Protein backbone atom coordinates (compact mmCIF):
# COMPACT_ATOMS: atom_id res chain seq x y z
CA MET A 1 11.41 3.58 -5.31
CA ALA A 2 13.06 1.89 -8.18
CA GLU A 3 16.47 2.34 -6.81
CA ALA A 4 15.19 0.91 -3.47
CA ALA A 5 14.05 -2.16 -5.40
CA VAL A 6 17.50 -2.55 -6.90
CA GLN A 7 19.01 -2.13 -3.44
CA ALA A 8 16.51 -4.62 -1.86
CA GLY A 9 17.91 -7.34 -4.26
CA CYS A 10 14.87 -7.33 -6.95
CA MET A 11 16.10 -9.84 -9.56
CA PHE A 12 13.08 -9.45 -11.92
CA TYR A 13 10.96 -6.43 -13.05
CA ALA A 14 8.08 -6.57 -15.44
CA GLY A 15 6.04 -3.47 -16.43
CA TYR A 16 4.19 -1.56 -19.00
CA PRO A 17 4.23 2.34 -19.42
CA ILE A 18 1.62 4.43 -17.83
CA THR A 19 1.85 7.98 -16.47
CA PRO A 20 2.60 9.14 -13.69
CA GLN A 21 4.90 6.23 -12.94
CA ASN A 22 7.02 5.80 -16.11
CA GLU A 23 10.11 6.97 -14.26
CA ILE A 24 10.12 3.61 -12.65
CA THR A 25 9.96 1.70 -15.70
CA SER A 26 12.38 3.76 -17.52
CA TYR A 27 14.78 3.78 -14.47
CA MET A 28 14.62 0.01 -14.09
CA SER A 29 15.29 -0.66 -17.77
CA LYS A 30 18.69 0.81 -17.14
CA ARG A 31 19.47 -0.39 -13.58
CA MET A 32 18.47 -3.88 -13.84
CA ALA A 33 20.71 -4.33 -17.10
CA GLU A 34 23.69 -2.94 -15.17
CA GLU A 35 23.10 -5.40 -12.33
CA LYS A 36 22.52 -8.20 -14.75
CA ARG A 37 19.15 -8.82 -13.54
CA VAL A 38 15.98 -9.31 -15.61
CA PHE A 39 13.84 -6.39 -16.90
CA VAL A 40 10.84 -6.94 -19.20
CA GLN A 41 8.74 -4.39 -20.86
CA SER A 42 5.63 -6.51 -21.43
CA GLU A 43 2.97 -6.43 -24.03
CA SER A 44 0.40 -5.46 -21.37
CA GLU A 45 -0.38 -5.04 -17.80
CA VAL A 46 -1.93 -8.44 -17.72
CA ALA A 47 1.11 -10.11 -19.08
CA ALA A 48 3.30 -8.32 -16.49
CA VAL A 49 1.55 -9.56 -13.49
CA ASN A 50 1.56 -12.88 -14.64
CA MET A 51 5.36 -12.80 -15.49
CA VAL A 52 5.78 -11.70 -11.82
CA LEU A 53 4.06 -14.63 -10.65
CA GLY A 54 6.03 -17.06 -12.56
CA ALA A 55 9.23 -15.29 -11.33
CA ALA A 56 8.17 -14.93 -7.72
CA ALA A 57 7.26 -18.75 -7.99
CA THR A 58 11.07 -19.58 -8.41
CA GLY A 59 11.86 -17.72 -5.23
CA VAL A 60 13.50 -14.59 -6.64
CA ARG A 61 12.41 -11.06 -5.52
CA ALA A 62 10.02 -9.73 -8.23
CA MET A 63 7.97 -6.54 -8.80
CA THR A 64 5.82 -4.56 -11.21
CA SER A 65 4.54 -1.05 -11.06
CA SER A 66 1.81 0.82 -12.76
CA SER A 67 -0.94 3.37 -12.17
CA SER A 68 -4.66 3.24 -11.46
CA PRO A 69 -6.02 1.75 -14.71
CA GLY A 70 -2.92 -0.57 -15.19
CA ILE A 71 -3.44 -1.78 -11.58
CA SER A 72 -7.15 -2.61 -12.35
CA LEU A 73 -6.02 -4.86 -15.24
CA LYS A 74 -3.79 -6.67 -12.87
CA GLN A 75 -6.40 -7.70 -10.30
CA GLU A 76 -7.03 -11.07 -11.65
CA GLY A 77 -3.16 -11.88 -11.40
CA LEU A 78 -2.77 -10.42 -8.12
CA SER A 79 -5.77 -12.84 -6.92
CA TYR A 80 -3.77 -15.62 -8.30
CA ILE A 81 -0.54 -14.47 -6.61
CA ALA A 82 -2.25 -14.10 -3.28
CA GLY A 83 -3.84 -17.65 -3.67
CA CYS A 84 -0.41 -19.23 -4.45
CA ARG A 85 1.16 -17.56 -1.52
CA LEU A 86 3.99 -15.95 -3.55
CA PRO A 87 5.95 -12.73 -2.12
CA CYS A 88 6.22 -9.99 -4.53
CA LEU A 89 6.02 -6.16 -4.66
CA ILE A 90 3.38 -4.24 -6.62
CA ILE A 91 3.60 -0.16 -6.84
CA ASN A 92 0.63 1.80 -7.63
CA VAL A 93 1.27 5.50 -8.25
CA MET A 94 -2.30 6.48 -8.27
CA ARG A 95 -3.99 8.85 -10.61
CA ALA A 96 -7.23 10.35 -11.11
CA GLY A 97 -10.32 8.28 -12.16
CA PRO A 98 -12.63 6.66 -12.72
CA GLY A 99 -12.09 5.27 -16.17
CA LEU A 100 -9.07 6.65 -17.97
CA GLY A 101 -9.22 9.63 -16.00
CA GLY A 102 -6.24 11.88 -15.81
CA ILE A 103 -2.67 11.96 -14.91
CA GLY A 104 -3.32 14.33 -11.68
CA PRO A 105 -3.01 12.81 -8.09
CA SER A 106 -5.72 10.86 -6.18
CA GLN A 107 -6.21 8.45 -3.51
CA SER A 108 -9.32 6.69 -4.92
CA ASP A 109 -7.81 3.08 -5.39
CA TYR A 110 -7.92 2.66 -1.40
CA PHE A 111 -10.81 0.36 -1.75
CA GLN A 112 -9.36 -1.65 -4.63
CA ALA A 113 -6.02 -2.08 -2.62
CA VAL A 114 -7.14 -2.88 0.71
CA LYS A 115 -10.40 -4.77 0.20
CA GLY A 116 -8.93 -7.18 -2.27
CA GLY A 117 -9.71 -5.76 -5.92
CA GLY A 118 -9.53 -9.20 -7.36
CA HIS A 119 -11.83 -12.22 -6.47
CA GLY A 120 -11.67 -14.29 -3.38
CA ASP A 121 -10.93 -13.90 0.30
CA TYR A 122 -7.44 -12.56 0.10
CA HIS A 123 -5.44 -9.63 1.18
CA MET A 124 -2.04 -7.69 0.23
CA ILE A 125 -0.18 -5.77 2.72
CA VAL A 126 -0.51 -2.07 1.65
CA LEU A 127 1.82 0.60 2.76
CA ALA A 128 1.55 4.40 1.95
CA PRO A 129 4.63 6.80 1.87
CA ASP A 130 4.32 10.28 2.53
CA SER A 131 7.87 11.49 1.40
CA VAL A 132 10.50 10.47 -1.00
CA GLN A 133 12.59 9.14 1.93
CA GLU A 134 9.72 6.96 3.13
CA ALA A 135 8.93 5.85 -0.56
CA TYR A 136 12.45 4.33 -0.55
CA ASP A 137 12.37 2.78 3.01
CA LEU A 138 8.89 1.12 2.54
CA VAL A 139 9.93 -0.60 -0.82
CA ILE A 140 12.84 -2.16 1.26
CA GLU A 141 10.54 -3.18 3.89
CA SER A 142 7.84 -4.31 1.54
CA PHE A 143 10.30 -7.17 0.18
CA ASN A 144 11.15 -8.12 3.60
CA LEU A 145 7.41 -8.34 4.56
CA ALA A 146 6.51 -10.31 1.28
CA ASP A 147 9.08 -12.63 2.18
CA THR A 148 8.41 -13.11 5.66
CA TYR A 149 4.75 -13.87 5.12
CA ARG A 150 4.66 -15.15 1.76
CA ILE A 151 2.28 -12.32 0.53
CA PRO A 152 2.21 -9.74 -2.20
CA VAL A 153 2.83 -6.27 -0.89
CA MET A 154 1.48 -3.00 -2.35
CA ILE A 155 3.02 0.45 -2.10
CA LEU A 156 0.05 2.81 -2.46
CA ALA A 157 1.54 6.14 -3.56
CA ASP A 158 0.18 8.74 -5.88
CA ALA A 159 1.00 11.40 -8.62
CA ILE A 160 2.51 13.64 -5.81
CA ILE A 161 4.80 11.48 -4.42
CA GLY A 162 5.65 10.02 -7.63
CA GLN A 163 6.63 13.30 -9.37
CA MET A 164 8.18 14.83 -6.02
CA SER A 165 11.70 15.84 -5.96
CA GLU A 166 13.53 16.31 -2.41
CA PRO A 167 16.65 15.34 -0.55
CA MET A 168 16.88 11.70 0.82
CA VAL A 169 19.46 9.23 1.96
CA LEU A 170 20.35 6.08 0.17
CA ARG A 171 20.41 3.94 3.29
CA LYS A 172 22.08 0.43 3.12
CA PRO A 173 19.09 -1.80 3.28
CA LYS A 174 18.55 -4.52 5.90
CA ILE A 175 17.58 -7.46 3.90
CA VAL A 176 15.51 -10.18 5.66
CA LYS A 177 16.36 -13.71 4.47
CA VAL A 178 13.97 -16.64 4.76
CA SER A 179 13.83 -20.00 3.69
CA LYS A 180 11.95 -20.52 0.41
CA GLU A 181 11.91 -24.36 0.28
CA TRP A 182 8.64 -24.18 -1.49
CA ALA A 183 10.34 -22.32 -4.59
CA LEU A 184 10.35 -23.88 -8.12
CA THR A 185 14.00 -24.49 -8.33
CA GLY A 186 14.45 -27.74 -10.20
CA VAL A 187 13.90 -31.21 -8.85
CA LYS A 188 17.43 -32.46 -8.60
CA ASP A 189 17.73 -34.51 -5.35
CA ARG A 190 14.39 -33.64 -4.13
CA GLU A 191 10.65 -34.22 -4.80
CA ALA A 192 8.90 -31.75 -7.01
CA ASN A 193 7.42 -28.40 -5.57
CA VAL A 194 3.88 -27.38 -6.49
CA VAL A 195 2.62 -23.84 -6.67
CA ARG A 196 -0.96 -23.27 -7.48
CA SER A 197 -4.01 -21.80 -6.13
CA PHE A 198 -6.44 -24.18 -7.95
CA SER A 199 -8.22 -27.05 -6.44
CA LEU A 200 -11.36 -29.08 -7.28
CA LYS A 201 -11.58 -30.74 -3.86
CA ASN A 202 -13.50 -28.19 -1.65
CA GLU A 203 -12.15 -29.74 1.58
CA ALA A 204 -8.49 -28.95 0.21
CA LEU A 205 -9.32 -25.43 -0.99
CA PHE A 206 -11.12 -24.64 2.29
CA ALA A 207 -8.06 -25.69 4.23
CA HIS A 208 -5.66 -23.51 2.17
CA ASN A 209 -8.23 -20.64 2.64
CA LEU A 210 -7.88 -21.20 6.46
CA LEU A 211 -4.02 -21.13 6.24
CA LEU A 212 -4.43 -17.81 4.31
CA GLN A 213 -6.65 -16.32 7.32
CA LYS A 214 -4.26 -17.69 9.72
CA THR A 215 -1.47 -15.61 8.00
CA TYR A 216 -3.61 -12.46 7.70
CA ALA A 217 -4.66 -12.64 11.50
CA GLU A 218 -0.70 -12.73 12.22
CA ILE A 219 -0.12 -9.82 9.95
CA ARG A 220 -3.01 -7.80 11.68
CA GLN A 221 -1.44 -8.77 15.15
CA ARG A 222 1.96 -7.77 14.37
CA GLU A 223 2.46 -5.27 11.41
CA GLU A 224 -0.05 -2.28 11.94
CA LYS A 225 2.02 0.94 11.19
CA ALA A 226 0.91 4.59 12.22
CA GLU A 227 2.38 8.06 13.10
CA SER A 228 0.68 10.47 15.20
CA ASN A 229 1.32 14.12 16.09
CA ASN A 230 -0.13 16.09 19.10
CA ALA A 231 -2.80 13.36 19.11
CA GLU A 232 -2.73 12.39 22.73
CA ASP A 233 -4.58 15.58 24.12
CA CYS A 234 -6.17 17.46 21.16
CA ARG A 235 -9.68 18.33 20.48
CA ILE A 236 -9.87 17.38 16.72
CA LEU A 237 -7.77 14.41 15.55
CA LEU A 238 -7.20 14.79 11.84
CA CYS A 239 -6.87 11.38 9.97
CA ALA A 240 -5.11 11.34 6.68
CA TYR A 241 -2.56 9.20 4.83
CA GLY A 242 0.21 9.59 2.03
CA SER A 243 0.76 12.75 0.59
CA ILE A 244 -2.43 14.44 1.96
CA ALA A 245 -1.24 13.60 5.49
CA ARG A 246 1.92 15.76 4.53
CA ILE A 247 -0.17 18.55 3.23
CA MET A 248 -2.05 18.51 6.56
CA GLN A 249 0.78 18.38 8.78
CA PRO A 250 0.99 22.14 9.84
CA LEU A 251 -2.51 21.85 11.18
CA ALA A 252 -1.05 19.87 14.03
CA GLU A 253 0.86 23.02 15.16
CA ASP A 254 -2.50 24.27 16.81
CA PRO A 255 -2.74 22.59 20.30
CA ALA A 256 -6.35 21.70 19.49
CA ILE A 257 -5.58 19.53 16.32
CA GLY A 258 -3.81 16.44 16.27
CA LEU A 259 -2.80 14.18 13.22
CA PHE A 260 -2.99 10.35 12.85
CA ARG A 261 -1.38 8.91 9.79
CA PRO A 262 -1.82 5.39 8.93
CA VAL A 263 1.35 4.01 7.12
CA SER A 264 -0.28 0.43 6.67
CA LEU A 265 -3.50 0.75 5.15
CA TRP A 266 -3.86 -3.14 5.35
CA PRO A 267 -3.59 -3.83 8.02
CA PHE A 268 -5.44 -0.63 8.92
CA PRO A 269 -3.97 0.68 12.16
CA GLU A 270 -7.37 0.26 14.09
CA LYS A 271 -5.79 -0.74 17.49
CA LYS A 272 -3.59 2.38 17.48
CA LEU A 273 -6.40 4.61 16.65
CA GLN A 274 -8.91 2.94 19.18
CA THR A 275 -6.02 3.65 21.80
CA LEU A 276 -5.80 7.14 20.90
CA VAL A 277 -9.49 7.74 20.86
CA ARG A 278 -10.04 5.95 24.37
CA ASN A 279 -7.30 7.51 26.07
CA ASN A 280 -7.89 11.15 25.08
CA ARG A 281 -10.48 12.74 27.47
CA HIS A 282 -10.65 16.19 25.55
CA LEU A 283 -11.32 14.36 21.94
CA GLU A 284 -14.41 16.07 20.39
CA ALA A 285 -14.51 14.48 16.95
CA VAL A 286 -12.32 12.83 14.26
CA TYR A 287 -11.90 14.42 10.85
CA VAL A 288 -10.81 12.30 8.02
CA VAL A 289 -9.45 14.20 4.77
CA GLU A 290 -8.64 12.30 1.67
CA ALA A 291 -7.97 12.91 -2.14
CA SER A 292 -11.22 10.84 -2.78
CA PHE A 293 -14.88 11.14 -1.97
CA GLY A 294 -14.77 8.80 0.84
CA GLN A 295 -12.88 5.45 1.35
CA MET A 296 -10.54 5.19 4.17
CA VAL A 297 -13.20 7.23 6.42
CA GLU A 298 -15.08 3.76 6.46
CA ASP A 299 -12.32 1.96 8.09
CA VAL A 300 -11.82 4.87 10.70
CA ARG A 301 -15.56 4.83 11.40
CA LEU A 302 -15.29 1.15 12.18
CA ALA A 303 -12.23 1.58 14.36
CA VAL A 304 -13.82 4.49 16.26
CA ASN A 305 -16.91 2.73 16.64
CA GLY A 306 -18.96 5.82 17.69
CA LYS A 307 -16.87 6.85 20.42
CA VAL A 308 -16.75 10.52 19.04
CA PRO A 309 -18.37 11.81 15.78
CA VAL A 310 -16.22 10.97 12.46
CA HIS A 311 -16.42 13.88 9.86
CA PHE A 312 -15.11 13.77 6.36
CA TYR A 313 -13.88 16.18 3.70
CA GLY A 314 -12.45 15.07 0.36
CA LYS A 315 -11.79 15.89 -3.33
CA ALA A 316 -10.99 13.77 -6.20
CA GLY A 317 -10.77 13.81 -10.10
CA GLY A 318 -7.11 15.26 -9.53
CA ALA A 319 -8.39 18.00 -7.14
CA ILE A 320 -6.55 18.09 -3.74
CA PRO A 321 -7.97 19.14 -0.29
CA GLN A 322 -6.23 22.42 0.53
CA LEU A 323 -4.65 23.38 4.08
CA GLU A 324 -6.73 26.46 4.33
CA GLU A 325 -9.89 24.71 3.44
CA VAL A 326 -9.51 21.99 5.95
CA ARG A 327 -8.56 24.69 8.65
CA GLN A 328 -11.91 26.51 7.86
CA LYS A 329 -13.98 23.34 8.13
CA ILE A 330 -12.49 22.47 11.36
CA ALA A 331 -13.17 25.99 12.65
CA ALA A 332 -16.65 25.79 11.41
CA LEU A 333 -17.31 22.52 13.06
CA ARG A 334 -15.85 23.60 16.39
CA LYS A 335 -17.90 26.93 16.20
CA LYS A 336 -20.90 24.73 15.67
CA LYS A 337 -20.27 22.76 18.51
């Protein structure tokens, strides 16, 4: 993920150490210097996210990374970034909570990421990789999406993805270049630009919120991302994301079981899921599996809208749902039916 950011043209990184994502900070401290770009180990997570705000306001590609408690500390700054319509990348390599928790893997930050962990009506695009290769590819895509829509983008990984070693290809990135006439680049030969989220006039703030909502509607229309396997004619449709979807992948070798993997968590790929549910005449139930006690399952239930039953199995606190556990749960469900 760090090398992908360098390849994608990231010019500014600010972060503060926390396990299990310290490899990103360590790697960036070396690579950004090699590329004569800016690396800052900030005095805190709060400082890091506000440094990213400042760098992004100048129009450069900027990012930060952390793990769950550190991302919590960044929430006010993320709301400001979203309110200022600034593009940037945030990587969250989730760890177990709540509180300080532990360094084991978890998916318990889903609500925080997709529902807006800070204040106000805002969203970030949230993408969830299931492999080292996809983590690399999605970082590049994240910077492109951020610039295209003037929006912060989050990669929601976890300690499994963060500590995984496997082969990958360093693909040459396709970089989307957009005009950034709004950026703070000095006022020589032009009027001053202003980047802010603050307004004491309710009418002006209302109009600004409408602009944000228009952007979010466009993103919902165009940027839903998901993958499926054996999902068109199955009896049970598994729904999982990130590393848990990868763990559950062998279950889709059973003709009766399909797998639906959201890649974009916001926007949630509800239209793709609805199409699968509507067109599958044999579908008996949707079964959601998460490394949490039930967060994405709420978006799945909203999308399915009562067409078929939605069941859930999850673990948290560093514990991971196991393949055979889920296989037995599904067998018991079908036997009961």
